[in-house]
Amino acid sequence: MDGIHDTGGMTGFGRVQYQKQEPFFHYEWEGRTLSILTWMHLKGISWWDKSRFFRESMGNENYVNEIRSSYYTHWLSAAERILVSENIISEEERRHRVEEILAGRYKDRTPFREFDEKQIDEAIERMHEPHSLAMPGADPSFALGDEVLVKRMNPLGHTRCPKYVRARTGKIVNYHGCQVYPDTAYTGTFEPRPLYTVAFNARELWGEDGNERDVICVDLWEPYLTAAGNTEGK
């Protein structure tokens, strides 16, 4: 899905604003949002690509609005819709709770049980367990050193192929095995596809505005690619 979130390689947005000694959370609700995401992760609820799809579907105005939008606003919006899509809560329940909060009628419920320090430590340990993302799948069509052309794409669904590399030629510099293909994973269909790191010369991406000594490396799945010289990407 092409939208306001895909701004890689673009200019004209002004300076990046940041706070020195910025707090981890600006508001209490942001910490609660992270707790919800942690719970979803530990429960094995489908998250990464589905979350990106729902964030991309927020609409451009909501995504960039300085008052209504923030990092944790995006994550909370996605979490709500994932919980509905997984039938953990209903859309009616979600809407009712939002209405309660907006009207000032909602009151925090008293937790029905306490988490001890051991449970917290175990949860943190599980989140940091190392694991490989590689999965069994088809043999790669490209080898290290091959020149490839990124296809010209305008997908309606979720994709991890940034616009600024489409219809551009690069070289395969690394292969990561078959990994879950995000363009179908957001629908719940997990199809491992070969994943490569492709290096692009800055001049190839931005013409004379790019420094000829700069190289940009982008991880791209095989369905995004075709052999260099193939007219499919042009």
Protein backbone atom coordinates (compact mmCIF):
# COMPACT_ATOMS: atom_id res chain seq x y z
CA MET A 1 0.00 0.00 0.00
CA ASP A 2 1.45 3.34 -1.04
CA GLY A 3 0.67 6.09 1.43
CA ILE A 4 1.99 8.87 3.64
CA HIS A 5 3.97 6.38 5.75
CA ASP A 6 6.29 5.54 2.83
CA THR A 7 8.46 8.68 2.91
CA GLY A 8 11.88 7.04 2.63
CA GLY A 9 14.18 8.91 0.26
CA MET A 10 11.84 11.93 0.15
CA THR A 11 12.63 15.52 1.09
CA GLY A 12 10.64 18.62 1.98
CA PHE A 13 9.41 17.60 5.44
CA GLY A 14 11.61 20.02 7.37
CA ARG A 15 14.08 19.25 10.13
CA VAL A 16 13.58 16.21 12.34
CA GLN A 17 12.51 17.50 15.75
CA TYR A 18 13.81 15.76 18.84
CA GLN A 19 14.04 16.34 22.57
CA LYS A 20 17.27 16.12 24.50
CA GLN A 21 16.85 13.73 27.44
CA GLU A 22 13.43 12.79 26.13
CA PRO A 23 11.42 10.64 28.58
CA PHE A 24 10.65 7.06 27.63
CA PHE A 25 6.93 7.84 27.89
CA HIS A 26 5.40 11.30 27.63
CA TYR A 27 2.08 10.15 29.09
CA GLU A 28 0.91 7.24 31.25
CA TRP A 29 -1.29 5.87 28.44
CA GLU A 30 1.78 5.35 26.25
CA GLY A 31 3.20 2.93 28.81
CA ARG A 32 -0.13 1.13 28.91
CA THR A 33 -0.07 0.86 25.12
CA LEU A 34 3.34 -0.80 25.27
CA SER A 35 1.95 -3.21 27.87
CA ILE A 36 -0.88 -4.16 25.49
CA LEU A 37 1.59 -4.76 22.66
CA THR A 38 3.80 -6.87 24.94
CA TRP A 39 0.80 -8.96 26.00
CA MET A 40 -0.19 -9.50 22.37
CA HIS A 41 3.36 -10.54 21.48
CA LEU A 42 3.58 -13.03 24.35
CA LYS A 43 0.18 -14.47 23.45
CA GLY A 44 1.36 -15.10 19.90
CA ILE A 45 -1.24 -12.81 18.37
CA SER A 46 -0.45 -11.97 14.74
CA TRP A 47 1.17 -8.55 14.91
CA TRP A 48 4.01 -7.21 12.79
CA ASP A 49 2.77 -6.97 9.21
CA LYS A 50 -0.89 -6.81 10.19
CA SER A 51 -0.03 -3.89 12.48
CA ARG A 52 1.73 -2.08 9.64
CA PHE A 53 -1.28 -2.61 7.38
CA PHE A 54 -3.69 -1.11 9.93
CA ARG A 55 -1.37 1.83 10.60
CA GLU A 56 -1.12 2.46 6.86
CA SER A 57 -4.93 2.43 6.71
CA MET A 58 -5.34 5.27 9.23
CA GLY A 59 -5.62 7.85 6.47
CA ASN A 60 -3.00 10.48 5.64
CA GLU A 61 -4.56 13.22 7.79
CA ASN A 62 -4.75 11.04 10.90
CA TYR A 63 -1.24 9.67 10.31
CA VAL A 64 0.53 13.04 10.26
CA ASN A 65 -1.79 15.25 12.36
CA GLU A 66 0.42 16.78 15.08
CA ILE A 67 -2.37 16.83 17.67
CA ARG A 68 -4.09 13.49 17.05
CA SER A 69 -1.08 11.51 15.88
CA SER A 70 2.01 10.17 17.60
CA TYR A 71 4.10 7.02 17.64
CA TYR A 72 1.95 5.36 20.30
CA THR A 73 -1.28 6.66 18.74
CA HIS A 74 -0.40 4.68 15.61
CA TRP A 75 0.40 1.56 17.62
CA LEU A 76 -2.74 1.79 19.75
CA SER A 77 -4.94 2.27 16.68
CA ALA A 78 -3.42 -0.86 15.12
CA ALA A 79 -3.72 -2.87 18.36
CA GLU A 80 -7.43 -2.07 18.65
CA ARG A 81 -8.14 -3.25 15.12
CA ILE A 82 -6.01 -6.39 15.44
CA LEU A 83 -7.89 -7.39 18.61
CA VAL A 84 -11.14 -6.98 16.65
CA SER A 85 -9.82 -8.89 13.63
CA GLU A 86 -8.70 -11.75 15.91
CA ASN A 87 -12.16 -11.83 17.56
CA ILE A 88 -10.70 -11.07 20.99
CA ILE A 89 -13.00 -8.06 21.30
CA SER A 90 -15.88 -6.99 19.08
CA GLU A 91 -16.08 -3.76 17.09
CA GLU A 92 -19.08 -2.80 19.22
CA GLU A 93 -17.00 -3.22 22.39
CA ARG A 94 -14.19 -1.15 20.92
CA ARG A 95 -16.51 1.67 19.88
CA HIS A 96 -18.29 1.62 23.25
CA ARG A 97 -15.03 1.93 25.16
CA VAL A 98 -13.82 4.80 22.95
CA GLU A 99 -17.14 6.60 23.48
CA GLU A 100 -16.83 6.12 27.25
CA ILE A 101 -13.33 7.59 27.26
CA LEU A 102 -14.25 10.56 25.06
CA ALA A 103 -17.29 11.31 27.22
CA GLY A 104 -15.30 11.04 30.46
CA ARG A 105 -17.44 8.13 31.73
CA TYR A 106 -14.74 5.47 31.75
CA LYS A 107 -13.09 4.56 35.04
CA ASP A 108 -10.11 2.29 35.40
CA ARG A 109 -10.97 -1.17 36.60
CA THR A 110 -9.10 -2.63 39.56
CA PRO A 111 -6.74 -5.38 38.33
CA PHE A 112 -8.07 -8.77 39.35
CA ARG A 113 -4.61 -10.12 40.11
CA GLU A 114 -1.08 -8.96 40.73
CA PHE A 115 1.97 -9.90 38.66
CA ASP A 116 4.96 -10.91 40.72
CA GLU A 117 8.56 -10.06 39.87
CA LYS A 118 9.23 -13.59 38.61
CA GLN A 119 6.46 -13.34 36.00
CA ILE A 120 7.76 -9.98 34.81
CA ASP A 121 11.33 -11.31 34.51
CA GLU A 122 10.10 -14.37 32.59
CA ALA A 123 8.12 -12.18 30.17
CA ILE A 124 11.15 -9.95 29.49
CA GLU A 125 13.36 -13.01 28.97
CA ARG A 126 10.89 -14.48 26.44
CA MET A 127 10.81 -11.23 24.47
CA HIS A 128 14.60 -11.22 24.15
CA GLU A 129 15.04 -14.87 23.19
CA PRO A 130 17.17 -15.03 20.00
CA HIS A 131 15.54 -16.76 17.07
CA SER A 132 16.04 -16.98 13.35
CA LEU A 133 13.43 -15.61 10.98
CA ALA A 134 14.55 -17.94 8.18
CA MET A 135 12.03 -20.60 7.12
CA PRO A 136 11.97 -23.49 4.65
CA GLY A 137 11.01 -22.33 1.17
CA ALA A 138 11.88 -22.18 -2.49
CA ASP A 139 15.46 -21.96 -3.70
CA PRO A 140 16.63 -18.42 -4.53
CA SER A 141 16.49 -17.29 -8.15
CA PHE A 142 19.40 -14.85 -7.73
CA ALA A 143 22.98 -15.22 -6.50
CA LEU A 144 25.42 -12.83 -4.84
CA GLY A 145 26.67 -10.30 -7.37
CA ASP A 146 23.63 -10.56 -9.66
CA GLU A 147 22.23 -7.28 -10.95
CA VAL A 148 18.50 -7.00 -10.38
CA LEU A 149 15.77 -4.56 -11.32
CA VAL A 150 13.08 -3.68 -8.78
CA LYS A 151 9.66 -4.00 -10.36
CA ARG A 152 7.49 -0.94 -10.85
CA MET A 153 4.70 -1.57 -8.34
CA ASN A 154 1.57 0.21 -7.14
CA PRO A 155 0.10 -2.32 -4.68
CA LEU A 156 -3.27 -1.81 -3.03
CA GLY A 157 -2.31 -3.95 -0.04
CA HIS A 158 0.61 -3.91 2.39
CA THR A 159 4.15 -4.03 0.98
CA ARG A 160 7.68 -3.56 2.27
CA CYS A 161 9.05 -2.42 -1.10
CA PRO A 162 9.77 1.32 -0.76
CA LYS A 163 8.76 3.57 -3.65
CA TYR A 164 12.19 5.16 -4.09
CA VAL A 165 13.81 1.88 -5.24
CA ARG A 166 11.12 0.80 -7.69
CA ALA A 167 12.24 0.67 -11.33
CA ARG A 168 15.85 1.02 -10.13
CA THR A 169 18.77 -1.36 -10.67
CA GLY A 170 20.96 -2.70 -7.88
CA LYS A 171 23.22 -5.61 -7.01
CA ILE A 172 22.59 -8.58 -4.69
CA VAL A 173 25.09 -8.33 -1.82
CA ASN A 174 23.56 -10.71 0.74
CA TYR A 175 21.04 -13.52 0.97
CA HIS A 176 19.01 -14.15 4.15
CA GLY A 177 17.21 -17.36 3.28
CA CYS A 178 13.44 -17.62 2.90
CA GLN A 179 11.49 -15.43 5.31
CA VAL A 180 7.82 -14.60 5.81
CA TYR A 181 6.62 -12.50 2.88
CA PRO A 182 4.99 -9.36 4.34
CA ASP A 183 2.79 -8.68 1.32
CA THR A 184 0.69 -11.73 2.22
CA ALA A 185 1.49 -12.09 5.94
CA TYR A 186 -0.77 -9.17 6.87
CA THR A 187 -3.74 -11.25 5.69
CA GLY A 188 -2.67 -14.22 7.84
CA THR A 189 -1.09 -16.11 4.93
CA PHE A 190 2.53 -16.91 5.79
CA GLU A 191 4.43 -17.59 2.57
CA PRO A 192 8.22 -17.66 2.99
CA ARG A 193 10.03 -16.10 0.02
CA PRO A 194 13.77 -15.53 -0.60
CA LEU A 195 15.02 -12.31 0.98
CA TYR A 196 18.05 -10.38 -0.30
CA THR A 197 20.01 -7.27 0.53
CA VAL A 198 20.28 -5.18 -2.62
CA ALA A 199 22.84 -2.36 -2.91
CA PHE A 200 22.02 0.73 -4.96
CA ASN A 201 24.34 3.54 -6.00
CA ALA A 202 22.94 6.87 -4.82
CA ARG A 203 23.12 8.22 -8.37
CA GLU A 204 20.88 5.37 -9.52
CA LEU A 205 18.23 6.46 -7.03
CA TRP A 206 18.49 10.26 -7.12
CA GLY A 207 20.45 11.10 -10.27
CA GLU A 208 22.89 14.00 -10.05
CA ASP A 209 21.57 14.85 -6.56
CA GLY A 210 23.10 11.63 -5.22
CA ASN A 211 26.72 11.28 -4.16
CA GLU A 212 28.40 8.80 -6.55
CA ARG A 213 30.39 7.36 -3.63
CA ASP A 214 27.29 6.56 -1.54
CA VAL A 215 25.62 3.15 -1.55
CA ILE A 216 22.17 2.42 -0.10
CA CYS A 217 21.37 -1.15 0.95
CA VAL A 218 17.74 -2.28 1.09
CA ASP A 219 16.34 -5.68 2.11
CA LEU A 220 13.94 -6.85 -0.61
CA TRP A 221 11.93 -10.02 -1.13
CA GLU A 222 12.27 -11.93 -4.41
CA PRO A 223 8.76 -11.13 -5.76
CA TYR A 224 9.83 -7.47 -5.90
CA LEU A 225 12.73 -8.27 -8.20
CA THR A 226 13.46 -9.28 -11.76
CA ALA A 227 16.73 -9.73 -13.64
CA ALA A 228 18.45 -6.50 -14.71
CA GLY A 229 17.54 -5.66 -18.29
CA ASN A 230 14.07 -7.15 -17.97
CA THR A 231 11.49 -4.61 -19.12
CA GLU A 232 9.00 -5.79 -16.45
CA GLY A 233 10.35 -3.26 -13.96
CA LYS A 234 10.28 -0.26 -16.30
